[in-house]
């Protein structure tokens, strides 16, 4: 009886540790998923991977990445990556509307917590 209780207690401790550590694990989200479900992701932090296909650094520095499912712009205060480079980006999804123009972007490095 005592051994069974100790095993259950050990399993409970392992489960609690796993639950505490899992929020730090981020899964990569496809850009298509973000664009098809913007309400789920706006103001949430996501991680995406893809190839840099465009970059611009005038008033606002941004680059565009393509993960094979779609493209999204990433606004960044960091040095812009080279076109053609495969990268992983973590940032907060933001939605902006200016008249008829609507933009869904990732603000790089704004938050480190993963989307839920």
Protein backbone atom coordinates (compact mmCIF):
# COMPACT_ATOMS: atom_id res chain seq x y z
CA UNK A 1 0.00 0.00 0.00
CA UNK A 2 2.80 2.40 0.89
CA UNK A 3 4.67 1.70 -2.36
CA UNK A 4 1.54 2.37 -4.40
CA UNK A 5 1.09 5.70 -2.65
CA UNK A 6 4.71 6.63 -3.32
CA UNK A 7 4.36 5.73 -7.00
CA UNK A 8 1.20 7.80 -7.32
CA UNK A 9 2.90 10.69 -5.53
CA UNK A 10 5.90 10.40 -7.89
CA UNK A 11 3.62 10.38 -10.94
CA UNK A 12 1.78 13.40 -9.61
CA UNK A 13 5.07 15.29 -9.14
CA UNK A 14 6.18 14.39 -12.70
CA UNK A 15 2.84 15.53 -14.11
CA UNK A 16 3.09 18.85 -12.24
CA UNK A 17 6.65 19.42 -13.47
CA UNK A 18 5.64 18.66 -17.05
CA UNK A 19 2.70 21.06 -16.80
CA UNK A 20 4.98 23.77 -15.42
CA UNK A 21 7.59 23.32 -18.16
CA UNK A 22 5.32 22.91 -21.20
CA UNK A 23 4.24 26.57 -21.45
CA UNK A 24 7.85 27.42 -22.32
CA UNK A 25 7.76 25.08 -25.31
CA UNK A 26 6.60 26.86 -28.43
CA UNK A 27 5.34 25.15 -31.50
CA UNK A 28 5.82 26.67 -34.91
CA UNK A 29 2.60 27.98 -36.47
CA UNK A 30 2.11 28.12 -40.23
CA UNK A 31 1.58 31.55 -41.74
CA UNK A 32 -1.51 30.20 -43.50
CA UNK A 33 -2.97 29.23 -40.10
CA UNK A 34 -2.37 32.75 -38.78
CA UNK A 35 -3.95 34.40 -41.82
CA UNK A 36 -6.95 32.04 -41.89
CA UNK A 37 -7.63 32.51 -38.16
CA UNK A 38 -6.46 36.04 -37.34
CA UNK A 39 -8.77 36.47 -34.33
CA UNK A 40 -7.12 33.46 -32.69
CA UNK A 41 -3.64 34.94 -33.08
CA UNK A 42 -3.92 38.76 -32.91
CA UNK A 43 -2.16 40.04 -29.77
CA UNK A 44 -0.71 36.55 -29.20
CA UNK A 45 2.93 35.57 -29.53
CA UNK A 46 3.76 33.03 -32.22
CA UNK A 47 6.80 31.37 -33.71
CA UNK A 48 7.08 30.98 -37.49
CA UNK A 49 9.83 29.65 -39.76
CA UNK A 50 10.48 30.51 -43.35
CA UNK A 51 12.63 32.10 -46.01
CA UNK A 52 13.21 35.85 -46.14
CA UNK A 53 11.80 36.97 -49.50
CA UNK A 54 11.76 40.76 -49.10
CA UNK A 55 13.15 43.40 -46.76
CA UNK A 56 12.90 47.15 -46.37
CA UNK A 57 14.38 49.53 -43.84
CA UNK A 58 13.14 53.06 -44.41
CA UNK A 59 10.92 54.60 -41.73
CA UNK A 60 9.96 51.19 -40.38
CA UNK A 61 12.22 48.17 -40.77
CA UNK A 62 10.43 45.03 -41.89
CA UNK A 63 10.98 41.90 -43.86
CA UNK A 64 8.66 39.32 -45.36
CA UNK A 65 8.99 35.60 -44.84
CA UNK A 66 7.47 32.71 -46.77
CA UNK A 67 7.00 29.35 -45.06
CA UNK A 68 5.60 27.63 -48.15
CA UNK A 69 2.00 28.05 -47.01
CA UNK A 70 1.84 31.89 -47.24
CA UNK A 71 3.83 35.07 -46.58
CA UNK A 72 3.76 37.55 -43.70
CA UNK A 73 5.62 40.76 -42.89
CA UNK A 74 7.73 40.98 -39.76
CA UNK A 75 8.38 44.40 -38.20
CA UNK A 76 11.69 44.43 -36.39
CA UNK A 77 14.09 46.74 -34.58
CA UNK A 78 16.85 44.14 -35.09
CA UNK A 79 19.23 44.10 -38.07
CA UNK A 80 17.33 42.83 -41.12
CA UNK A 81 18.16 39.28 -42.26
CA UNK A 82 19.47 38.63 -45.77
CA UNK A 83 17.04 37.72 -48.56
CA UNK A 84 17.06 33.95 -49.10
CA UNK A 85 17.99 33.16 -45.50
CA UNK A 86 15.93 30.54 -43.62
CA UNK A 87 14.94 31.96 -40.23
CA UNK A 88 12.75 31.39 -37.22
CA UNK A 89 10.88 34.38 -35.80
CA UNK A 90 9.08 34.83 -32.49
CA UNK A 91 6.81 37.82 -32.08
CA UNK A 92 3.36 39.20 -31.45
CA UNK A 93 0.73 39.19 -34.21
CA UNK A 94 -0.83 42.61 -34.83
CA UNK A 95 -3.63 43.79 -37.12
CA UNK A 96 -3.71 47.27 -38.64
CA UNK A 97 -6.35 48.86 -40.88
CA UNK A 98 -5.87 52.10 -42.81
CA UNK A 99 -8.95 52.77 -44.94
CA UNK A 100 -9.09 49.92 -47.45
CA UNK A 101 -5.62 48.68 -46.53
CA UNK A 102 -5.49 45.88 -43.96
CA UNK A 103 -2.23 44.48 -42.60
CA UNK A 104 -1.52 41.44 -40.47
CA UNK A 105 2.07 41.53 -39.23
CA UNK A 106 4.35 40.01 -36.63
CA UNK A 107 6.16 42.41 -34.31
CA UNK A 108 9.41 40.58 -33.67
CA UNK A 109 10.59 40.12 -30.10
CA UNK A 110 7.67 41.94 -28.46
CA UNK A 111 6.92 39.03 -26.14
CA UNK A 112 8.47 35.64 -25.45
CA UNK A 113 5.38 33.72 -24.26
CA UNK A 114 3.82 31.32 -26.80
CA UNK A 115 0.27 31.62 -28.15
CA UNK A 116 -2.33 29.49 -26.40
